[in-house]
Amino acid sequence: MASFTLTDLQGMPSVDNTIGVIGGGQLALMLGEAAQTRGLTLAVQASNAEDPAASLAKDLVIAGSTDARATRELSTHCAGITFENEWVAVDALMPLERQGVQFTPSLASLVPLVNKLSQRRLLDDLLIPSPEWISLAELNPGSPSLPSGWTFPVMAKAAYGGYDGKGTRVVEDLNGLAQLLRNVDANEWLIEAWVSYEQELALVVSRDSKGRIRSLPLAETHQKNQVCDWVIAPAAVSQLVEATAYNIAASLLTKLSYVGVMTLEFFYGSSGLFVNEVAPRTHNSGHFSIEACSSSQFDQQLCIAAGLDVPNPDLIADGSLMVNLLGLNPESAEPLEERLAKLRSIEALHLHWYGKDEIPGRKLGHVTTLLKGHSAHERAETGQQMLQCIREIWPLPLNW
């Protein structure tokens, strides 16, 4: 039987003013910070008391995110429950929803999104452009070959649990494909045809209980080793691309009767706009909204989950740059506190520190700065100067 511990950190909670969240990482931490500005509190289901969001929780249930028994306990301490990420046991939570526990998003709307295979089928059904794909199980393990017209390399993805490059593999040739088939459950993986693109884009959108859809500005993301390095918003694209991205998101939200926050990642190039992935949650690409928008992605999630009026997330600056801070090797890097002190000394930077131990490559925090400039070129120039300044203080991990 699963075990968990409930910790009452701040006295008896007011259930009506408390939102439950499954997951205790940095996304839940920033949701908790948004809750404080709204006079609300969080009850958190976290894997341990050292998780980032635990420090802001009014009540803390110590258990993994797939522990439905713990979620039942969580539900007694809040008015409704939302999610930090999609790695939850949706089927195990269904009885709770039938008994009246309010989940945001609903479990039915999560079902086709938490599995990349069903996510791809949904996109195909809606005629939403995405990379060509097949289930790995469709290949002959004894003599694997690519579908007609495909060429190497291809991208392999696990159906569940992938993030920041985890659960993905670049397959370079037939030997690599055969090795993949030997090492994984083919029913739980897919492969995608390689997509050539010029920009990676991301759009964070929300849909409230009345069906009204709102969106953050479309952002451009820059990856290093399949991990987000930095983000600039708004993206340097045409109004047509912005409108197309919004319309794709709106059609998906509406089809699922989705209530909550969702993020769509796109590839954009000469062949058009393709959906890379859909995340049914807040997202690293939307962190800039905390400073740069009138309502952040976390405020959107919180207001929807709490049944509050949802404000428009309007851009309140010309633009914004967000840079991730990844863990460095403490033996070769400048001491952590010295790096943090240097970042804090730059007035234009807003530092968000997650309170994690430093492990090379781990997301430890991020910094955001607002950009001036009416043209995308001006903002890009200023952003590159600031990025260089940040990376002189906090470089990327070695061997990246």
Protein backbone atom coordinates (compact mmCIF):
# COMPACT_ATOMS: atom_id res chain seq x y z
CA MET A 1 0.00 0.00 0.00
CA ALA A 2 1.25 3.48 -0.84
CA SER A 3 2.38 5.64 2.05
CA PHE A 4 2.33 9.37 2.46
CA THR A 5 2.69 12.02 5.10
CA LEU A 6 0.53 15.11 5.57
CA THR A 7 2.20 18.14 7.09
CA ASP A 8 0.13 21.12 8.26
CA LEU A 9 2.63 23.94 7.86
CA GLN A 10 0.58 27.01 8.75
CA GLY A 11 -2.33 25.95 10.92
CA MET A 12 -5.81 24.94 9.78
CA PRO A 13 -6.34 25.79 6.11
CA SER A 14 -9.29 27.61 4.64
CA VAL A 15 -10.33 25.08 2.03
CA ASP A 16 -12.23 27.65 -0.05
CA ASN A 17 -9.07 29.75 -0.47
CA THR A 18 -6.74 26.81 -1.09
CA ILE A 19 -5.86 25.24 -4.41
CA GLY A 20 -4.28 21.80 -4.49
CA VAL A 21 -1.43 21.06 -6.87
CA ILE A 22 0.05 17.68 -7.72
CA GLY A 23 3.79 18.14 -8.06
CA GLY A 24 6.22 20.19 -6.02
CA GLY A 25 8.81 21.46 -8.49
CA GLN A 26 9.57 24.93 -9.78
CA LEU A 27 6.34 25.25 -11.76
CA ALA A 28 4.38 24.63 -8.56
CA LEU A 29 6.68 27.07 -6.73
CA MET A 30 5.84 29.86 -9.17
CA LEU A 31 2.16 28.93 -8.97
CA GLY A 32 2.47 29.39 -5.21
CA GLU A 33 4.06 32.81 -5.69
CA ALA A 34 1.14 33.78 -7.92
CA ALA A 35 -1.27 32.50 -5.25
CA GLN A 36 0.28 34.80 -2.67
CA THR A 37 -0.50 37.84 -4.80
CA ARG A 38 -4.14 36.70 -5.00
CA GLY A 39 -4.52 36.02 -1.27
CA LEU A 40 -4.80 32.28 -1.94
CA THR A 41 -2.83 29.35 -0.57
CA LEU A 42 -1.60 26.04 -1.96
CA ALA A 43 -1.86 22.50 -0.71
CA VAL A 44 0.93 20.56 -2.42
CA GLN A 45 1.45 16.88 -3.16
CA ALA A 46 5.23 16.64 -3.44
CA SER A 47 7.69 13.76 -3.46
CA ASN A 48 9.59 15.18 -0.49
CA ALA A 49 9.67 18.13 1.87
CA GLU A 50 12.70 19.62 0.09
CA ASP A 51 10.89 20.13 -3.23
CA PRO A 52 10.81 23.80 -4.33
CA ALA A 53 7.06 24.34 -3.79
CA ALA A 54 7.07 22.82 -0.31
CA SER A 55 8.29 26.07 1.19
CA LEU A 56 5.11 27.87 0.08
CA ALA A 57 2.61 25.11 0.82
CA LYS A 58 -0.02 25.61 3.51
CA ASP A 59 -0.47 21.85 3.59
CA LEU A 60 2.02 19.35 2.26
CA VAL A 61 1.23 15.77 1.29
CA ILE A 62 4.46 13.83 0.90
CA ALA A 63 3.89 11.35 -1.91
CA GLY A 64 4.69 10.77 -5.56
CA SER A 65 2.54 12.40 -8.21
CA THR A 66 1.00 9.06 -9.23
CA ASP A 67 -0.18 8.20 -5.69
CA ALA A 68 -3.98 8.46 -6.00
CA ARG A 69 -4.52 7.69 -2.33
CA ALA A 70 -2.41 10.72 -1.44
CA THR A 71 -4.38 12.82 -3.93
CA ARG A 72 -7.57 11.79 -2.15
CA GLU A 73 -6.05 13.18 1.06
CA LEU A 74 -4.95 16.33 -0.78
CA SER A 75 -8.51 16.88 -1.97
CA THR A 76 -9.76 17.24 1.62
CA HIS A 77 -7.55 20.29 2.09
CA CYS A 78 -8.47 22.34 -0.97
CA ALA A 79 -11.33 23.53 -3.13
CA GLY A 80 -9.92 21.96 -6.30
CA ILE A 81 -6.78 20.40 -7.72
CA THR A 82 -4.53 21.37 -10.61
CA PHE A 83 -1.33 19.83 -11.95
CA GLU A 84 2.29 20.89 -12.18
CA ASN A 85 2.90 18.45 -15.02
CA GLU A 86 1.23 15.63 -16.93
CA TRP A 87 3.01 12.73 -15.20
CA VAL A 88 -0.01 11.62 -13.21
CA ALA A 89 -2.02 8.41 -13.08
CA VAL A 90 -5.13 9.73 -14.83
CA ASP A 91 -7.05 6.43 -14.65
CA ALA A 92 -6.43 6.12 -10.91
CA LEU A 93 -7.83 9.64 -10.36
CA MET A 94 -11.08 9.00 -12.26
CA PRO A 95 -12.95 7.69 -9.17
CA LEU A 96 -12.08 10.89 -7.30
CA GLU A 97 -13.44 13.04 -10.12
CA ARG A 98 -16.65 10.99 -10.19
CA GLN A 99 -16.97 11.59 -6.43
CA GLY A 100 -16.85 15.35 -6.95
CA VAL A 101 -13.18 16.30 -6.77
CA GLN A 102 -12.63 19.22 -9.16
CA PHE A 103 -9.57 18.75 -11.37
CA THR A 104 -8.32 21.55 -13.63
CA PRO A 105 -7.87 20.56 -16.43
CA SER A 106 -10.47 17.81 -16.35
CA LEU A 107 -9.14 14.28 -16.53
CA ALA A 108 -11.05 13.60 -19.75
CA SER A 109 -9.26 16.49 -21.48
CA LEU A 110 -5.88 15.24 -20.21
CA VAL A 111 -6.28 11.66 -21.45
CA PRO A 112 -5.31 12.25 -25.12
CA LEU A 113 -2.45 14.60 -24.19
CA VAL A 114 -0.45 12.69 -21.55
CA ASN A 115 0.54 10.02 -24.10
CA LYS A 116 2.44 11.23 -27.17
CA LEU A 117 0.93 8.47 -29.33
CA SER A 118 -2.63 9.55 -28.59
CA GLN A 119 -1.52 13.18 -28.84
CA ARG A 120 -0.29 12.58 -32.38
CA ARG A 121 -3.53 10.81 -33.32
CA LEU A 122 -5.51 13.78 -32.02
CA LEU A 123 -3.45 16.23 -34.07
CA ASP A 124 -3.96 14.07 -37.15
CA ASP A 125 -7.72 13.88 -36.53
CA LEU A 126 -7.89 17.68 -36.33
CA LEU A 127 -5.72 18.04 -39.45
CA ILE A 128 -3.20 20.03 -37.43
CA PRO A 129 0.23 19.93 -39.13
CA SER A 130 2.85 17.99 -37.19
CA PRO A 131 5.90 15.91 -38.17
CA GLU A 132 5.17 12.63 -39.92
CA TRP A 133 5.22 9.79 -37.39
CA ILE A 134 4.58 6.13 -36.82
CA SER A 135 4.45 3.94 -33.74
CA LEU A 136 7.70 2.07 -33.24
CA ALA A 137 5.56 -1.08 -32.92
CA GLU A 138 4.71 -0.80 -36.63
CA LEU A 139 8.29 -1.70 -37.58
CA ASN A 140 9.51 -5.25 -38.07
CA PRO A 141 12.02 -5.80 -35.25
CA GLY A 142 13.76 -8.54 -37.22
CA SER A 143 14.38 -6.34 -40.24
CA PRO A 144 13.52 -2.71 -39.42
CA SER A 145 13.25 -0.10 -42.15
CA LEU A 146 11.88 3.41 -42.44
CA PRO A 147 8.58 4.20 -44.14
CA SER A 148 8.76 5.02 -47.83
CA GLY A 149 10.13 8.51 -48.42
CA TRP A 150 11.76 8.84 -44.99
CA THR A 151 15.49 9.31 -44.52
CA PHE A 152 17.78 9.27 -41.52
CA PRO A 153 18.17 10.83 -39.04
CA VAL A 154 14.80 10.39 -37.33
CA MET A 155 13.63 11.39 -33.88
CA ALA A 156 12.45 8.70 -31.44
CA LYS A 157 10.23 9.70 -28.53
CA ALA A 158 8.87 7.86 -25.52
CA ALA A 159 5.09 8.06 -25.24
CA TYR A 160 5.27 9.00 -21.56
CA GLY A 161 7.41 11.17 -19.35
CA GLY A 162 9.80 12.88 -21.73
CA TYR A 163 11.10 16.39 -20.99
CA ASP A 164 14.30 18.42 -21.43
CA GLY A 165 15.71 15.85 -23.84
CA LYS A 166 14.84 12.89 -21.63
CA GLY A 167 12.78 10.25 -23.40
CA THR A 168 14.04 11.32 -26.84
CA ARG A 169 16.75 9.87 -29.05
CA VAL A 170 18.16 10.87 -32.41
CA VAL A 171 18.41 7.72 -34.53
CA GLU A 172 21.11 8.07 -37.17
CA ASP A 173 20.91 4.80 -39.13
CA LEU A 174 19.42 1.31 -39.37
CA ASN A 175 21.79 -0.02 -36.71
CA GLY A 176 20.58 2.63 -34.30
CA LEU A 177 16.97 1.82 -35.14
CA ALA A 178 17.53 -1.90 -34.53
CA GLN A 179 19.24 -1.11 -31.22
CA LEU A 180 16.31 1.07 -30.16
CA LEU A 181 13.87 -1.75 -30.93
CA ARG A 182 15.92 -4.13 -28.79
CA ASN A 183 16.15 -1.78 -25.82
CA VAL A 184 12.67 -0.29 -25.43
CA ASP A 185 9.03 -1.36 -25.43
CA ALA A 186 8.04 -0.60 -29.01
CA ASN A 187 4.43 -0.05 -27.97
CA GLU A 188 5.53 2.90 -25.84
CA TRP A 189 7.63 4.76 -28.43
CA LEU A 190 7.12 6.58 -31.71
CA ILE A 191 9.48 7.82 -34.39
CA GLU A 192 9.15 11.07 -36.31
CA ALA A 193 10.48 12.12 -39.66
CA TRP A 194 13.15 14.80 -39.31
CA VAL A 195 11.83 18.34 -39.75
CA SER A 196 13.99 21.16 -41.10
CA TYR A 197 13.07 24.46 -39.51
CA GLU A 198 14.34 27.98 -39.00
CA GLN A 199 12.71 28.82 -35.66
CA GLU A 200 11.34 27.00 -32.64
CA LEU A 201 8.28 28.77 -31.26
CA ALA A 202 6.04 28.29 -28.23
CA LEU A 203 2.57 29.57 -27.38
CA VAL A 204 1.05 29.43 -23.89
CA VAL A 205 -2.74 29.65 -24.00
CA SER A 206 -5.57 29.37 -21.50
CA ARG A 207 -9.26 28.59 -21.69
CA ASP A 208 -11.61 29.40 -18.82
CA SER A 209 -14.82 27.66 -17.76
CA LYS A 210 -16.85 29.99 -19.99
CA GLY A 211 -14.87 28.95 -23.04
CA ARG A 212 -12.92 32.19 -23.41
CA ILE A 213 -9.42 31.71 -24.80
CA ARG A 214 -6.45 33.92 -23.98
CA SER A 215 -2.83 33.70 -25.03
CA LEU A 216 0.58 35.00 -24.10
CA PRO A 217 2.65 36.53 -26.89
CA LEU A 218 4.15 33.91 -29.19
CA ALA A 219 7.73 33.29 -28.03
CA GLU A 220 10.87 32.05 -29.77
CA THR A 221 12.81 29.39 -27.89
CA HIS A 222 16.45 28.41 -28.27
CA GLN A 223 17.57 24.94 -27.26
CA LYS A 224 20.93 23.45 -26.40
CA ASN A 225 21.14 19.65 -26.28
CA GLN A 226 17.33 19.54 -26.35
CA VAL A 227 17.09 21.68 -23.19
CA CYS A 228 15.71 25.21 -23.31
CA ASP A 229 18.58 27.70 -23.11
CA TRP A 230 16.82 31.03 -23.60
CA VAL A 231 13.53 32.52 -24.77
CA ILE A 232 12.70 35.85 -26.39
CA ALA A 233 9.21 37.30 -26.72
CA PRO A 234 7.47 38.34 -28.81
CA ALA A 235 8.84 36.12 -31.56
CA ALA A 236 10.13 37.73 -34.73
CA VAL A 237 7.44 36.34 -37.03
CA SER A 238 4.67 37.71 -39.19
CA GLN A 239 1.13 38.35 -37.97
CA LEU A 240 0.03 35.44 -40.16
CA VAL A 241 2.26 33.03 -38.24
CA GLU A 242 1.00 34.44 -34.93
CA ALA A 243 -2.60 34.03 -36.04
CA THR A 244 -2.00 30.52 -37.34
CA ALA A 245 -0.42 29.42 -34.06
CA TYR A 246 -3.33 30.91 -32.09
CA ASN A 247 -5.93 29.27 -34.32
CA ILE A 248 -4.27 25.87 -33.96
CA ALA A 249 -4.24 26.25 -30.18
CA ALA A 250 -7.85 27.45 -30.09
CA SER A 251 -9.07 24.50 -32.17
CA LEU A 252 -7.30 22.07 -29.83
CA LEU A 253 -8.62 23.72 -26.66
CA THR A 254 -12.15 23.79 -28.03
CA LYS A 255 -12.10 20.19 -29.29
CA LEU A 256 -11.10 18.94 -25.84
CA SER A 257 -13.38 21.34 -23.91
CA TYR A 258 -10.12 22.05 -22.13
CA VAL A 259 -10.19 24.34 -19.10
CA GLY A 260 -6.76 25.43 -17.88
CA VAL A 261 -3.36 26.38 -19.30
CA MET A 262 -1.79 24.61 -22.28
CA THR A 263 1.47 25.10 -24.18
CA LEU A 264 2.14 24.29 -27.82
CA GLU A 265 5.67 23.97 -29.18
CA PHE A 266 6.13 24.62 -32.90
CA PHE A 267 8.70 24.20 -35.65
CA TYR A 268 8.57 27.00 -38.23
CA GLY A 269 10.36 27.17 -41.55
CA SER A 270 9.90 27.23 -45.29
CA SER A 271 7.51 24.26 -45.11
CA GLY A 272 5.23 26.08 -42.70
CA LEU A 273 4.23 25.75 -39.05
CA PHE A 274 4.27 22.32 -37.41
CA VAL A 275 3.22 21.36 -33.87
CA ASN A 276 6.15 19.61 -32.22
CA GLU A 277 4.54 18.85 -28.85
CA VAL A 278 1.61 19.83 -26.65
CA ALA A 279 2.06 20.23 -22.89
CA PRO A 280 -1.15 20.44 -20.80
CA ARG A 281 0.39 22.85 -18.29
CA THR A 282 2.49 25.93 -17.73
CA HIS A 283 5.87 25.83 -19.43
CA ASN A 284 9.47 27.00 -19.30
CA SER A 285 8.85 29.04 -22.45
CA GLY A 286 6.27 31.15 -20.60
CA HIS A 287 8.34 32.20 -17.58
CA PHE A 288 8.94 35.61 -19.15
CA SER A 289 5.27 36.41 -18.50
CA ILE A 290 5.87 36.88 -14.76
CA GLU A 291 7.50 40.25 -15.40
CA ALA A 292 6.49 41.00 -18.98
CA CYS A 293 2.71 40.42 -18.91
CA SER A 294 -0.19 41.85 -16.96
CA SER A 295 -1.12 38.29 -15.95
CA SER A 296 1.49 35.52 -15.96
CA GLN A 297 0.93 31.96 -17.11
CA PHE A 298 0.80 30.98 -13.43
CA ASP A 299 -1.77 33.64 -12.64
CA GLN A 300 -3.86 32.32 -15.53
CA GLN A 301 -3.69 28.77 -14.16
CA LEU A 302 -4.46 29.90 -10.64
CA CYS A 303 -7.44 32.10 -11.55
CA ILE A 304 -8.97 29.35 -13.68
CA ALA A 305 -8.48 26.69 -11.01
CA ALA A 306 -9.87 28.97 -8.29
CA GLY A 307 -12.86 30.11 -10.34
CA LEU A 308 -11.73 33.74 -10.29
CA ASP A 309 -12.16 36.24 -13.11
CA VAL A 310 -9.32 35.63 -15.54
CA PRO A 311 -7.47 38.76 -16.71
CA ASN A 312 -5.95 39.16 -20.14
CA PRO A 313 -2.21 38.38 -20.22
CA ASP A 314 -1.24 41.52 -22.13
CA LEU A 315 2.39 42.33 -22.85
CA ILE A 316 3.39 45.33 -20.73
CA ALA A 317 6.86 45.86 -22.22
CA ASP A 318 8.26 45.96 -25.75
CA GLY A 319 9.68 42.50 -25.19
CA SER A 320 11.41 40.15 -22.80
CA LEU A 321 14.35 37.77 -22.56
CA MET A 322 14.35 34.73 -20.26
CA VAL A 323 17.53 32.74 -19.66
CA ASN A 324 17.70 29.41 -17.84
CA LEU A 325 20.36 28.84 -15.18
CA LEU A 326 21.61 25.26 -15.35
CA GLY A 327 23.74 23.57 -12.74
CA LEU A 328 27.52 23.71 -13.25
CA ASN A 329 30.32 21.49 -11.99
CA PRO A 330 31.12 22.99 -8.56
CA GLU A 331 34.74 21.83 -8.86
CA SER A 332 35.40 24.01 -11.91
CA ALA A 333 32.77 26.76 -11.68
CA GLU A 334 32.85 29.97 -9.68
CA PRO A 335 31.19 29.47 -6.25
CA LEU A 336 27.41 29.44 -6.46
CA GLU A 337 26.83 32.37 -4.10
CA GLU A 338 29.25 34.54 -6.06
CA ARG A 339 27.41 33.83 -9.32
CA LEU A 340 24.08 34.62 -7.69
CA ALA A 341 25.44 37.84 -6.16
CA LYS A 342 26.67 39.02 -9.57
CA LEU A 343 23.28 38.36 -11.16
CA ARG A 344 21.48 40.17 -8.33
CA SER A 345 23.76 43.17 -8.81
CA ILE A 346 22.42 43.76 -12.33
CA GLU A 347 19.41 46.01 -11.81
CA ALA A 348 17.71 45.04 -15.06
CA LEU A 349 17.61 41.34 -14.18
CA HIS A 350 14.85 39.56 -12.28
CA LEU A 351 16.28 36.43 -10.64
CA HIS A 352 14.06 33.43 -9.90
CA TRP A 353 15.88 30.84 -7.79
CA TYR A 354 14.26 27.45 -7.24
CA GLY A 355 16.18 26.43 -4.12
CA LYS A 356 17.61 23.20 -5.54
CA ASP A 357 21.01 21.65 -4.91
CA GLU A 358 23.41 22.27 -7.76
CA ILE A 359 23.79 19.29 -10.06
CA PRO A 360 25.40 19.79 -13.50
CA GLY A 361 22.72 20.33 -16.15
CA ARG A 362 19.84 20.69 -13.66
CA LYS A 363 17.50 23.67 -13.99
CA LEU A 364 18.24 25.72 -10.88
CA GLY A 365 16.54 28.99 -11.75
CA HIS A 366 16.09 31.59 -14.44
CA VAL A 367 16.55 35.30 -15.03
CA THR A 368 14.28 37.62 -16.97
CA THR A 369 14.89 41.09 -18.33
CA LEU A 370 12.52 43.44 -20.14
CA LEU A 371 13.63 44.61 -23.57
CA LYS A 372 13.15 47.99 -25.19
CA GLY A 373 12.75 48.39 -28.91
CA HIS A 374 9.75 48.63 -31.20
CA SER A 375 11.30 46.40 -33.85
CA ALA A 376 12.22 42.74 -33.54
CA HIS A 377 15.75 43.62 -34.70
CA GLU A 378 16.23 46.15 -31.89
CA ARG A 379 14.95 43.71 -29.27
CA ALA A 380 17.12 40.90 -30.62
CA GLU A 381 20.21 43.11 -30.48
CA THR A 382 19.54 44.18 -26.90
CA GLY A 383 18.66 40.62 -25.96
CA GLN A 384 21.91 39.24 -27.36
CA GLN A 385 23.92 41.79 -25.40
CA MET A 386 22.15 40.84 -22.19
CA LEU A 387 22.46 37.12 -22.93
CA GLN A 388 26.21 37.52 -23.36
CA CYS A 389 26.42 39.38 -20.04
CA ILE A 390 24.47 36.62 -18.26
CA ARG A 391 26.53 33.83 -19.82
CA GLU A 392 29.76 35.51 -18.72
CA ILE A 393 28.51 35.15 -15.16
CA TRP A 394 26.68 31.86 -15.58
CA PRO A 395 27.91 29.83 -18.57
CA LEU A 396 26.29 26.72 -19.91
CA PRO A 397 27.60 23.45 -18.43
CA LEU A 398 30.80 22.14 -20.00
CA ASN A 399 30.49 19.54 -22.78
CA TRP A 400 27.16 21.01 -23.90
